[in-house]
PDB file of N, CA and C in Angstrom:
ATOM      1  N   HIS A   1      12.613  -6.760  -8.182  1.00  0.00           N
ATOM      2  CA  HIS A   1      13.921  -7.303  -7.917  1.00  0.00           C
ATOM      3  C   HIS A   1      13.858  -8.056  -6.586  1.00  0.00           C
ATOM      4  N   VAL A   2      14.075  -9.360  -6.649  1.00  0.00           N
ATOM      5  CA  VAL A   2      14.071 -10.176  -5.435  1.00  0.00           C
ATOM      6  C   VAL A   2      15.475 -10.136  -4.845  1.00  0.00           C
ATOM      7  N   LEU A   3      15.603  -9.544  -3.678  1.00  0.00           N
ATOM      8  CA  LEU A   3      16.905  -9.459  -3.017  1.00  0.00           C
ATOM      9  C   LEU A   3      17.153 -10.667  -2.123  1.00  0.00           C
ATOM     10  N   GLU A   4      16.075 -11.197  -1.547  1.00  0.00           N
ATOM     11  CA  GLU A   4      16.134 -12.443  -0.789  1.00  0.00           C
ATOM     12  C   GLU A   4      14.789 -13.138  -0.970  1.00  0.00           C
ATOM     13  N   GLU A   5      14.798 -14.347  -1.511  1.00  0.00           N
ATOM     14  CA  GLU A   5      13.568 -15.076  -1.834  1.00  0.00           C
ATOM     15  C   GLU A   5      12.613 -15.130  -0.657  1.00  0.00           C
ATOM     16  N   ASP A   6      11.368 -14.721  -0.902  1.00  0.00           N
ATOM     17  CA  ASP A   6      10.292 -14.723   0.092  1.00  0.00           C
ATOM     18  C   ASP A   6      10.634 -13.927   1.360  1.00  0.00           C
ATOM     19  N   ALA A   7      11.531 -12.920   1.215  1.00  0.00           N
ATOM     20  CA  ALA A   7      11.891 -12.129   2.393  1.00  0.00           C
ATOM     21  C   ALA A   7      12.038 -10.643   2.092  1.00  0.00           C
ATOM     22  N   LEU A   8      12.619 -10.305   0.931  1.00  0.00           N
ATOM     23  CA  LEU A   8      12.880  -8.901   0.619  1.00  0.00           C
ATOM     24  C   LEU A   8      12.808  -8.690  -0.887  1.00  0.00           C
ATOM     25  N   THR A   9      11.858  -7.854  -1.298  1.00  0.00           N
ATOM     26  CA  THR A   9      11.644  -7.561  -2.716  1.00  0.00           C
ATOM     27  C   THR A   9      11.504  -6.062  -2.907  1.00  0.00           C
ATOM     28  N   VAL A  10      12.103  -5.554  -3.977  1.00  0.00           N
ATOM     29  CA  VAL A  10      11.950  -4.152  -4.351  1.00  0.00           C
ATOM     30  C   VAL A  10      11.284  -4.127  -5.730  1.00  0.00           C
ATOM     31  N   MET A  11      10.147  -3.459  -5.801  1.00  0.00           N
ATOM     32  CA  MET A  11       9.413  -3.355  -7.063  1.00  0.00           C
ATOM     33  C   MET A  11       9.461  -1.911  -7.547  1.00  0.00           C
ATOM     34  N   VAL A  12       9.753  -1.731  -8.825  1.00  0.00           N
ATOM     35  CA  VAL A  12       9.690  -0.427  -9.461  1.00  0.00           C
ATOM     36  C   VAL A  12       8.363  -0.386 -10.214  1.00  0.00           C
ATOM     37  N   ASN A  13       7.480   0.517  -9.824  1.00  0.00           N
ATOM     38  CA  ASN A  13       6.139   0.594 -10.409  1.00  0.00           C
ATOM     39  C   ASN A  13       5.929   1.947 -11.072  1.00  0.00           C
ATOM     40  N   GLU A  14       5.084   1.945 -12.110  1.00  0.00           N
ATOM     41  CA  GLU A  14       4.670   3.184 -12.770  1.00  0.00           C
ATOM     42  C   GLU A  14       3.153   3.195 -12.923  1.00  0.00           C
ATOM     43  N   PRO A  15       2.432   3.256 -11.807  1.00  0.00           N
ATOM     44  CA  PRO A  15       0.969   3.222 -11.898  1.00  0.00           C
ATOM     45  C   PRO A  15       0.390   4.576 -12.318  1.00  0.00           C
ATOM     46  N   VAL A  16      -0.805   4.507 -12.884  1.00  0.00           N
ATOM     47  CA  VAL A  16      -1.609   5.703 -13.081  1.00  0.00           C
ATOM     48  C   VAL A  16      -2.389   5.875 -11.783  1.00  0.00           C
ATOM     49  N   MET A  17      -2.269   7.048 -11.186  1.00  0.00           N
ATOM     50  CA  MET A  17      -2.932   7.264  -9.898  1.00  0.00           C
ATOM     51  C   MET A  17      -4.443   7.361 -10.087  1.00  0.00           C
ATOM     52  N   LYS A  18      -5.164   7.218  -8.989  1.00  0.00           N
ATOM     53  CA  LYS A  18      -6.627   7.180  -9.028  1.00  0.00           C
ATOM     54  C   LYS A  18      -7.217   8.185  -8.054  1.00  0.00           C
ATOM     55  N   LYS A  19      -8.480   8.467  -8.252  1.00  0.00           N
ATOM     56  CA  LYS A  19      -9.201   9.345  -7.332  1.00  0.00           C
ATOM     57  C   LYS A  19      -9.437   8.604  -6.019  1.00  0.00           C
ATOM     58  N   ARG A  20      -9.536   9.351  -4.960  1.00  0.00           N
ATOM     59  CA  ARG A  20      -9.745   8.801  -3.624  1.00  0.00           C
ATOM     60  C   ARG A  20     -10.944   7.849  -3.575  1.00  0.00           C
ATOM     61  N   GLU A  21     -12.004   8.187  -4.276  1.00  0.00           N
ATOM     62  CA  GLU A  21     -13.230   7.370  -4.252  1.00  0.00           C
ATOM     63  C   GLU A  21     -13.020   5.983  -4.851  1.00  0.00           C
ATOM     64  N   LYS A  22     -12.022   5.817  -5.701  1.00  0.00           N
ATOM     65  CA  LYS A  22     -11.752   4.534  -6.355  1.00  0.00           C
ATOM     66  C   LYS A  22     -10.773   3.654  -5.567  1.00  0.00           C
ATOM     67  N   ALA A  23     -10.131   4.218  -4.564  1.00  0.00           N
ATOM     68  CA  ALA A  23      -9.118   3.474  -3.804  1.00  0.00           C
ATOM     69  C   ALA A  23      -9.780   2.542  -2.795  1.00  0.00           C
ATOM     70  N   ARG A  24      -9.189   1.351  -2.623  1.00  0.00           N
ATOM     71  CA  ARG A  24      -9.661   0.385  -1.625  1.00  0.00           C
ATOM     72  C   ARG A  24      -8.558   0.135  -0.622  1.00  0.00           C
ATOM     73  N   MET A  25      -8.963  -0.047   0.620  1.00  0.00           N
ATOM     74  CA  MET A  25      -8.000  -0.337   1.679  1.00  0.00           C
ATOM     75  C   MET A  25      -7.429  -1.742   1.464  1.00  0.00           C
ATOM     76  N   GLU A  26      -6.137  -1.919   1.767  1.00  0.00           N
ATOM     77  CA  GLU A  26      -5.444  -3.185   1.562  1.00  0.00           C
ATOM     78  C   GLU A  26      -4.696  -3.556   2.837  1.00  0.00           C
ATOM     79  N   VAL A  27      -4.627  -4.857   3.112  1.00  0.00           N
ATOM     80  CA  VAL A  27      -3.858  -5.362   4.257  1.00  0.00           C
ATOM     81  C   VAL A  27      -2.982  -6.529   3.822  1.00  0.00           C
ATOM     82  N   HIS A  28      -1.937  -6.779   4.608  1.00  0.00           N
ATOM     83  CA  HIS A  28      -1.020  -7.900   4.383  1.00  0.00           C
ATOM     84  C   HIS A  28      -0.783  -8.597   5.716  1.00  0.00           C
ATOM     85  N   ASP A  29      -0.562  -9.897   5.684  1.00  0.00           N
ATOM     86  CA  ASP A  29      -0.254 -10.660   6.896  1.00  0.00           C
ATOM     87  C   ASP A  29       1.244 -10.840   7.113  1.00  0.00           C
ATOM     88  N   ARG A  30       1.978 -11.131   6.034  1.00  0.00           N
ATOM     89  CA  ARG A  30       3.369 -11.560   6.170  1.00  0.00           C
ATOM     90  C   ARG A  30       4.407 -10.509   5.809  1.00  0.00           C
ATOM     91  N   PHE A  31       3.978  -9.399   5.197  1.00  0.00           N
ATOM     92  CA  PHE A  31       4.951  -8.425   4.711  1.00  0.00           C
ATOM     93  C   PHE A  31       4.656  -7.015   5.185  1.00  0.00           C
ATOM     94  N   ILE A  32       5.707  -6.266   5.417  1.00  0.00           N
ATOM     95  CA  ILE A  32       5.658  -4.823   5.638  1.00  0.00           C
ATOM     96  C   ILE A  32       5.828  -4.187   4.267  1.00  0.00           C
ATOM     97  N   ASP A  33       5.056  -3.153   3.979  1.00  0.00           N
ATOM     98  CA  ASP A  33       5.190  -2.398   2.728  1.00  0.00           C
ATOM     99  C   ASP A  33       5.865  -1.068   3.022  1.00  0.00           C
ATOM    100  N   ILE A  34       6.867  -0.731   2.225  1.00  0.00           N
ATOM    101  CA  ILE A  34       7.475   0.598   2.278  1.00  0.00           C
ATOM    102  C   ILE A  34       7.256   1.219   0.896  1.00  0.00           C
ATOM    103  N   HIS A  35       6.533   2.324   0.845  1.00  0.00           N
ATOM    104  CA  HIS A  35       6.211   3.010  -0.404  1.00  0.00           C
ATOM    105  C   HIS A  35       7.085   4.251  -0.528  1.00  0.00           C
ATOM    106  N   VAL A  36       7.761   4.393  -1.678  1.00  0.00           N
ATOM    107  CA  VAL A  36       8.684   5.498  -1.907  1.00  0.00           C
ATOM    108  C   VAL A  36       8.334   6.165  -3.237  1.00  0.00           C
ATOM    109  N   PRO A  37       7.602   7.286  -3.223  1.00  0.00           N
ATOM    110  CA  PRO A  37       7.323   7.977  -4.483  1.00  0.00           C
ATOM    111  C   PRO A  37       8.599   8.647  -4.998  1.00  0.00           C
ATOM    112  N   LEU A  38       8.847   8.530  -6.299  1.00  0.00           N
ATOM    113  CA  LEU A  38      10.069   9.083  -6.883  1.00  0.00           C
ATOM    114  C   LEU A  38       9.806  10.307  -7.764  1.00  0.00           C
ATOM    115  N   SER A  39       8.747  10.275  -8.547  1.00  0.00           N
ATOM    116  CA  SER A  39       8.549  11.313  -9.558  1.00  0.00           C
ATOM    117  C   SER A  39       7.624  12.445  -9.137  1.00  0.00           C
ATOM    118  N   ARG A  40       6.747  12.198  -8.170  1.00  0.00           N
ATOM    119  CA  ARG A  40       5.785  13.214  -7.730  1.00  0.00           C
ATOM    120  C   ARG A  40       5.175  12.772  -6.418  1.00  0.00           C
ATOM    121  N   GLU A  41       4.385  13.636  -5.804  1.00  0.00           N
ATOM    122  CA  GLU A  41       3.757  13.263  -4.539  1.00  0.00           C
ATOM    123  C   GLU A  41       2.667  12.227  -4.757  1.00  0.00           C
ATOM    124  N   GLU A  42       2.445  11.422  -3.720  1.00  0.00           N
ATOM    125  CA  GLU A  42       1.467  10.335  -3.765  1.00  0.00           C
ATOM    126  C   GLU A  42       0.562  10.437  -2.549  1.00  0.00           C
ATOM    127  N   GLY A  43      -0.736  10.343  -2.784  1.00  0.00           N
ATOM    128  CA  GLY A  43      -1.686  10.351  -1.692  1.00  0.00           C
ATOM    129  C   GLY A  43      -1.899   8.955  -1.132  1.00  0.00           C
ATOM    130  N   PHE A  44      -2.129   8.893   0.185  1.00  0.00           N
ATOM    131  CA  PHE A  44      -2.391   7.636   0.881  1.00  0.00           C
ATOM    132  C   PHE A  44      -3.588   7.805   1.804  1.00  0.00           C
ATOM    133  N   MET A  45      -4.224   6.688   2.104  1.00  0.00           N
ATOM    134  CA  MET A  45      -5.267   6.627   3.126  1.00  0.00           C
ATOM    135  C   MET A  45      -4.861   5.521   4.104  1.00  0.00           C
ATOM    136  N   TRP A  46      -5.329   5.644   5.353  1.00  0.00           N
ATOM    137  CA  TRP A  46      -4.958   4.687   6.392  1.00  0.00           C
ATOM    138  C   TRP A  46      -6.135   4.439   7.327  1.00  0.00           C
ATOM    139  N   LYS A  47      -6.179   3.216   7.869  1.00  0.00           N
ATOM    140  CA  LYS A  47      -7.148   2.848   8.906  1.00  0.00           C
ATOM    141  C   LYS A  47      -6.550   1.689   9.699  1.00  0.00           C
ATOM    142  N   ASP A  48      -6.846   1.625  10.969  1.00  0.00           N
ATOM    143  CA  ASP A  48      -6.402   0.511  11.810  1.00  0.00           C
ATOM    144  C   ASP A  48      -7.078  -0.766  11.301  1.00  0.00           C
ATOM    145  N   ARG A  49      -6.294  -1.770  11.021  1.00  0.00           N
ATOM    146  CA  ARG A  49      -6.835  -3.028  10.488  1.00  0.00           C
ATOM    147  C   ARG A  49      -7.912  -3.621  11.389  1.00  0.00           C
ATOM    148  N   ALA A  50      -7.756  -3.490  12.692  1.00  0.00           N
ATOM    149  CA  ALA A  50      -8.723  -4.056  13.638  1.00  0.00           C
ATOM    150  C   ALA A  50     -10.101  -3.411  13.508  1.00  0.00           C
ATOM    151  N   ALA A  51     -10.176  -2.239  12.897  1.00  0.00           N
ATOM    152  CA  ALA A  51     -11.451  -1.523  12.746  1.00  0.00           C
ATOM    153  C   ALA A  51     -12.147  -1.817  11.418  1.00  0.00           C
ATOM    154  N   LEU A  52     -11.528  -2.612  10.540  1.00  0.00           N
ATOM    155  CA  LEU A  52     -12.127  -2.916   9.242  1.00  0.00           C
ATOM    156  C   LEU A  52     -13.357  -3.806   9.396  1.00  0.00           C
ATOM    157  N   GLU A  53     -14.376  -3.543   8.570  1.00  0.00           N
ATOM    158  CA  GLU A  53     -15.625  -4.309   8.652  1.00  0.00           C
ATOM    159  C   GLU A  53     -16.169  -4.771   7.310  1.00  0.00           C
ATOM    160  N   LYS A  54     -15.625  -4.264   6.185  1.00  0.00           N
ATOM    161  CA  LYS A  54     -16.238  -4.518   4.880  1.00  0.00           C
ATOM    162  C   LYS A  54     -15.257  -5.150   3.889  1.00  0.00           C
ATOM    163  N   PRO A  55     -14.937  -6.453   4.058  1.00  0.00           N
ATOM    164  CA  PRO A  55     -14.036  -7.080   3.078  1.00  0.00           C
ATOM    165  C   PRO A  55     -14.697  -7.137   1.711  1.00  0.00           C
ATOM    166  N   SER A  56     -13.916  -6.846   0.669  1.00  0.00           N
ATOM    167  CA  SER A  56     -14.456  -6.930  -0.688  1.00  0.00           C
ATOM    168  C   SER A  56     -14.048  -8.230  -1.372  1.00  0.00           C
ATOM    169  N   GLU A  57     -13.240  -9.031  -0.677  1.00  0.00           N
ATOM    170  CA  GLU A  57     -12.771 -10.316  -1.219  1.00  0.00           C
ATOM    171  C   GLU A  57     -12.167 -11.117  -0.073  1.00  0.00           C
ATOM    172  N   PRO A  58     -12.032 -12.437  -0.243  1.00  0.00           N
ATOM    173  CA  PRO A  58     -11.336 -13.230   0.780  1.00  0.00           C
ATOM    174  C   PRO A  58      -9.833 -12.921   0.758  1.00  0.00           C
ATOM    175  N   PHE A  59      -9.142 -13.246   1.830  1.00  0.00           N
ATOM    176  CA  PHE A  59      -7.691 -13.044   1.867  1.00  0.00           C
ATOM    177  C   PHE A  59      -7.032 -13.955   0.846  1.00  0.00           C
ATOM    178  N   ASN A  60      -6.126 -13.403   0.034  1.00  0.00           N
ATOM    179  CA  ASN A  60      -5.388 -14.157  -0.972  1.00  0.00           C
ATOM    180  C   ASN A  60      -4.011 -14.484  -0.395  1.00  0.00           C
ATOM    181  N   ARG A  61      -3.821 -15.716   0.046  1.00  0.00           N
ATOM    182  CA  ARG A  61      -2.558 -16.133   0.673  1.00  0.00           C
ATOM    183  C   ARG A  61      -1.378 -16.002  -0.290  1.00  0.00           C
ATOM    184  N   GLU A  62      -1.592 -16.350  -1.562  1.00  0.00           N
ATOM    185  CA  GLU A  62      -0.511 -16.289  -2.548  1.00  0.00           C
ATOM    186  C   GLU A  62       0.003 -14.858  -2.729  1.00  0.00           C
ATOM    187  N   LYS A  63      -0.903 -13.887  -2.753  1.00  0.00           N
ATOM    188  CA  LYS A  63      -0.523 -12.482  -2.925  1.00  0.00           C
ATOM    189  C   LYS A  63      -0.322 -11.766  -1.591  1.00  0.00           C
ATOM    190  N   ASP A  64      -0.620 -12.449  -0.494  1.00  0.00           N
ATOM    191  CA  ASP A  64      -0.548 -11.862   0.844  1.00  0.00           C
ATOM    192  C   ASP A  64      -1.291 -10.528   0.880  1.00  0.00           C
ATOM    193  N   ALA A  65      -2.545 -10.569   0.425  1.00  0.00           N
ATOM    194  CA  ALA A  65      -3.310  -9.317   0.365  1.00  0.00           C
ATOM    195  C   ALA A  65      -4.807  -9.570   0.468  1.00  0.00           C
ATOM    196  N   GLN A  66      -5.489  -8.588   1.007  1.00  0.00           N
ATOM    197  CA  GLN A  66      -6.942  -8.554   1.039  1.00  0.00           C
ATOM    198  C   GLN A  66      -7.358  -7.091   0.952  1.00  0.00           C
ATOM    199  N   HIS A  67      -8.455  -6.834   0.227  1.00  0.00           N
ATOM    200  CA  HIS A  67      -8.968  -5.475   0.077  1.00  0.00           C
ATOM    201  C   HIS A  67     -10.278  -5.306   0.837  1.00  0.00           C
ATOM    202  N   TYR A  68     -10.502  -4.080   1.263  1.00  0.00           N
ATOM    203  CA  TYR A  68     -11.704  -3.720   2.021  1.00  0.00           C
ATOM    204  C   TYR A  68     -12.325  -2.459   1.427  1.00  0.00           C
ATOM    205  N   ASP A  69     -13.623  -2.317   1.614  1.00  0.00           N
ATOM    206  CA  ASP A  69     -14.349  -1.147   1.138  1.00  0.00           C
ATOM    207  C   ASP A  69     -14.610  -0.128   2.249  1.00  0.00           C
ATOM    208  N   ASP A  70     -13.986  -0.288   3.390  1.00  0.00           N
ATOM    209  CA  ASP A  70     -14.149   0.655   4.508  1.00  0.00           C
ATOM    210  C   ASP A  70     -13.587   2.028   4.148  1.00  0.00           C
ATOM    211  N   ALA A  71     -14.160   3.052   4.746  1.00  0.00           N
ATOM    212  CA  ALA A  71     -13.628   4.409   4.618  1.00  0.00           C
ATOM    213  C   ALA A  71     -12.386   4.539   5.488  1.00  0.00           C
ATOM    214  N   PRO A  72     -11.422   5.330   5.081  1.00  0.00           N
ATOM    215  CA  PRO A  72     -10.216   5.514   5.891  1.00  0.00           C
ATOM    216  C   PRO A  72     -10.484   6.394   7.108  1.00  0.00           C
ATOM    217  N   ASP A  73      -9.578   6.336   8.076  1.00  0.00           N
ATOM    218  CA  ASP A  73      -9.628   7.235   9.227  1.00  0.00           C
ATOM    219  C   ASP A  73      -8.808   8.491   8.981  1.00  0.00           C
ATOM    220  N   THR A  74      -7.809   8.383   8.106  1.00  0.00           N
ATOM    221  CA  THR A  74      -6.952   9.528   7.827  1.00  0.00           C
ATOM    222  C   THR A  74      -6.391   9.422   6.416  1.00  0.00           C
ATOM    223  N   SER A  75      -5.921  10.531   5.907  1.00  0.00           N
ATOM    224  CA  SER A  75      -5.231  10.542   4.621  1.00  0.00           C
ATOM    225  C   SER A  75      -4.052  11.504   4.719  1.00  0.00           C
ATOM    226  N   PHE A  76      -3.059  11.274   3.869  1.00  0.00           N
ATOM    227  CA  PHE A  76      -1.845  12.092   3.903  1.00  0.00           C
ATOM    228  C   PHE A  76      -1.130  11.991   2.564  1.00  0.00           C
ATOM    229  N   VAL A  77      -0.155  12.866   2.368  1.00  0.00           N
ATOM    230  CA  VAL A  77       0.626  12.921   1.132  1.00  0.00           C
ATOM    231  C   VAL A  77       2.078  12.621   1.460  1.00  0.00           C
ATOM    232  N   VAL A  78       2.716  11.832   0.589  1.00  0.00           N
ATOM    233  CA  VAL A  78       4.141  11.551   0.706  1.00  0.00           C
ATOM    234  C   VAL A  78       4.814  12.112  -0.545  1.00  0.00           C
ATOM    235  N   ARG A  79       5.862  12.888  -0.345  1.00  0.00           N
ATOM    236  CA  ARG A  79       6.568  13.544  -1.442  1.00  0.00           C
ATOM    237  C   ARG A  79       7.870  12.791  -1.763  1.00  0.00           C
ATOM    238  N   PRO A  80       8.421  12.995  -2.964  1.00  0.00           N
ATOM    239  CA  PRO A  80       9.741  12.416  -3.247  1.00  0.00           C
ATOM    240  C   PRO A  80      10.738  12.825  -2.163  1.00  0.00           C
ATOM    241  N   GLY A  81      11.553  11.862  -1.735  1.00  0.00           N
ATOM    242  CA  GLY A  81      12.475  12.085  -0.629  1.00  0.00           C
ATOM    243  C   GLY A  81      11.905  11.624   0.706  1.00  0.00           C
ATOM    244  N   GLN A  82      10.615  11.264   0.722  1.00  0.00           N
ATOM    245  CA  GLN A  82       9.956  10.728   1.916  1.00  0.00           C
ATOM    246  C   GLN A  82       9.501   9.301   1.605  1.00  0.00           C
ATOM    247  N   PHE A  83       8.991   8.604   2.625  1.00  0.00           N
ATOM    248  CA  PHE A  83       8.433   7.268   2.417  1.00  0.00           C
ATOM    249  C   PHE A  83       7.308   7.033   3.407  1.00  0.00           C
ATOM    250  N   ALA A  84       6.485   6.035   3.111  1.00  0.00           N
ATOM    251  CA  ALA A  84       5.424   5.591   4.029  1.00  0.00           C
ATOM    252  C   ALA A  84       5.656   4.112   4.293  1.00  0.00           C
ATOM    253  N   ILE A  85       5.506   3.716   5.542  1.00  0.00           N
ATOM    254  CA  ILE A  85       5.694   2.310   5.908  1.00  0.00           C
ATOM    255  C   ILE A  85       4.401   1.803   6.543  1.00  0.00           C
ATOM    256  N   PHE A  86       3.984   0.609   6.102  1.00  0.00           N
ATOM    257  CA  PHE A  86       2.740   0.011   6.590  1.00  0.00           C
ATOM    258  C   PHE A  86       3.033  -1.401   7.097  1.00  0.00           C
ATOM    259  N   PHE A  87       2.634  -1.640   8.335  1.00  0.00           N
ATOM    260  CA  PHE A  87       2.810  -2.934   8.980  1.00  0.00           C
ATOM    261  C   PHE A  87       1.532  -3.757   8.811  1.00  0.00           C
ATOM    262  N   PRO A  88       1.550  -5.054   9.147  1.00  0.00           N
ATOM    263  CA  PRO A  88       0.339  -5.865   8.992  1.00  0.00           C
ATOM    264  C   PRO A  88      -0.880  -5.325   9.738  1.00  0.00           C
ATOM    265  N   GLU A  89      -0.690  -4.542  10.788  1.00  0.00           N
ATOM    266  CA  GLU A  89      -1.842  -3.980  11.509  1.00  0.00           C
ATOM    267  C   GLU A  89      -2.384  -2.705  10.861  1.00  0.00           C
ATOM    268  N   ASP A  90      -1.768  -2.269   9.761  1.00  0.00           N
ATOM    269  CA  ASP A  90      -2.186  -1.061   9.052  1.00  0.00           C
ATOM    270  C   ASP A  90      -2.929  -1.405   7.765  1.00  0.00           C
ATOM    271  N   ALA A  91      -4.155  -0.900   7.630  1.00  0.00           N
ATOM    272  CA  ALA A  91      -4.845  -0.955   6.330  1.00  0.00           C
ATOM    273  C   ALA A  91      -4.452   0.321   5.594  1.00  0.00           C
ATOM    274  N   HIS A  92      -4.159   0.194   4.317  1.00  0.00           N
ATOM    275  CA  HIS A  92      -3.684   1.356   3.575  1.00  0.00           C
ATOM    276  C   HIS A  92      -4.152   1.315   2.125  1.00  0.00           C
ATOM    277  N   ALA A  93      -4.178   2.479   1.517  1.00  0.00           N
ATOM    278  CA  ALA A  93      -4.442   2.618   0.087  1.00  0.00           C
ATOM    279  C   ALA A  93      -3.528   3.718  -0.411  1.00  0.00           C
ATOM    280  N   GLY A  94      -2.880   3.481  -1.531  1.00  0.00           N
ATOM    281  CA  GLY A  94      -1.964   4.466  -2.104  1.00  0.00           C
ATOM    282  C   GLY A  94      -2.310   4.769  -3.549  1.00  0.00           C
ATOM    283  N   CYS A  95      -1.395   5.409  -4.230  1.00  0.00           N
ATOM    284  CA  CYS A  95      -1.558   5.802  -5.641  1.00  0.00           C
ATOM    285  C   CYS A  95      -2.765   6.718  -5.818  1.00  0.00           C
ATOM    286  N   ILE A  96      -2.974   7.602  -4.867  1.00  0.00           N
ATOM    287  CA  ILE A  96      -4.095   8.521  -4.937  1.00  0.00           C
ATOM    288  C   ILE A  96      -3.583   9.868  -5.440  1.00  0.00           C
ATOM    289  N   GLY A  97      -4.185  10.329  -6.514  1.00  0.00           N
ATOM    290  CA  GLY A  97      -3.768  11.588  -7.118  1.00  0.00           C
ATOM    291  C   GLY A  97      -4.129  11.580  -8.586  1.00  0.00           C
ATOM    292  N   GLU A  98      -3.421  12.375  -9.370  1.00  0.00           N
ATOM    293  CA  GLU A  98      -3.665  12.452 -10.809  1.00  0.00           C
ATOM    294  C   GLU A  98      -2.373  12.214 -11.562  1.00  0.00           C
ATOM    295  N   GLY A  99      -2.479  11.554 -12.707  1.00  0.00           N
ATOM    296  CA  GLY A  99      -1.323  11.331 -13.559  1.00  0.00           C
ATOM    297  C   GLY A  99      -0.587  10.053 -13.234  1.00  0.00           C
ATOM    298  N   LYS A 100       0.560   9.912 -13.857  1.00  0.00           N
ATOM    299  CA  LYS A 100       1.391   8.726 -13.694  1.00  0.00           C
ATOM    300  C   LYS A 100       2.435   8.979 -12.612  1.00  0.00           C
ATOM    301  N   LEU A 101       2.826   7.930 -11.933  1.00  0.00           N
ATOM    302  CA  LEU A 101       3.752   8.023 -10.809  1.00  0.00           C
ATOM    303  C   LEU A 101       4.842   6.975 -10.971  1.00  0.00           C
ATOM    304  N   LEU A 102       6.069   7.355 -10.747  1.00  0.00           N
ATOM    305  CA  LEU A 102       7.173   6.397 -10.649  1.00  0.00           C
ATOM    306  C   LEU A 102       7.454   6.222  -9.169  1.00  0.00           C
ATOM    307  N   LYS A 103       7.438   4.970  -8.695  1.00  0.00           N
ATOM    308  CA  LYS A 103       7.614   4.716  -7.265  1.00  0.00           C
ATOM    309  C   LYS A 103       8.278   3.377  -7.029  1.00  0.00           C
ATOM    310  N   LEU A 104       8.784   3.217  -5.815  1.00  0.00           N
ATOM    311  CA  LEU A 104       9.295   1.931  -5.340  1.00  0.00           C
ATOM    312  C   LEU A 104       8.332   1.404  -4.289  1.00  0.00           C
ATOM    313  N   VAL A 105       8.121   0.095  -4.299  1.00  0.00           N
ATOM    314  CA  VAL A 105       7.440  -0.574  -3.202  1.00  0.00           C
ATOM    315  C   VAL A 105       8.401  -1.662  -2.724  1.00  0.00           C
ATOM    316  N   ILE A 106       8.776  -1.562  -1.471  1.00  0.00           N
ATOM    317  CA  ILE A 106       9.700  -2.526  -0.880  1.00  0.00           C
ATOM    318  C   ILE A 106       8.898  -3.403   0.065  1.00  0.00           C
ATOM    319  N   LYS A 107       8.987  -4.712  -0.135  1.00  0.00           N
ATOM    320  CA  LYS A 107       8.250  -5.673   0.705  1.00  0.00           C
ATOM    321  C   LYS A 107       9.260  -6.413   1.574  1.00  0.00           C
ATOM    322  N   VAL A 108       9.034  -6.340   2.884  1.00  0.00           N
ATOM    323  CA  VAL A 108       9.922  -6.951   3.866  1.00  0.00           C
ATOM    324  C   VAL A 108       9.114  -7.957   4.678  1.00  0.00           C
ATOM    325  N   ARG A 109       9.521  -9.219   4.678  1.00  0.00           N
ATOM    326  CA  ARG A 109       8.807 -10.241   5.437  1.00  0.00           C
ATOM    327  C   ARG A 109       8.904  -9.952   6.931  1.00  0.00           C
ATOM    328  N   THR A 110       7.808 -10.165   7.645  1.00  0.00           N
ATOM    329  CA  THR A 110       7.763  -9.847   9.072  1.00  0.00           C
ATOM    330  C   THR A 110       8.364 -10.954   9.937  1.00  0.00           C
ATOM    331  N   ALA A 111       8.224 -12.199   9.520  1.00  0.00           N
ATOM    332  CA  ALA A 111       8.736 -13.287  10.352  1.00  0.00           C
ATOM    333  C   ALA A 111       9.123 -14.460   9.492  1.00  0.00           C
TER     334      ALA A 111
END
């Protein structure tokens, strides 16, 4: 749902979660990501973007995303009723766990 073109979008997703070993770190330049699990807890990994060294692809300007194969510095769980927010300086990976997940991803343009 686009609330403001190229500025604020709310996506309702139903991904199948993955094992930690299959997750890749992701970064964005223009958007803040807010992840809100609705149906069950969701695992996340995090690393400071400045510490990334292993890009797995070039930056995709159209999708405002790039993935990395670096190991995370930390991991944590977010439960329904909580949220995780990631700024452009945060590398993150989500949807870690087992089964299907109903969640919101809110994208907010930084500038």
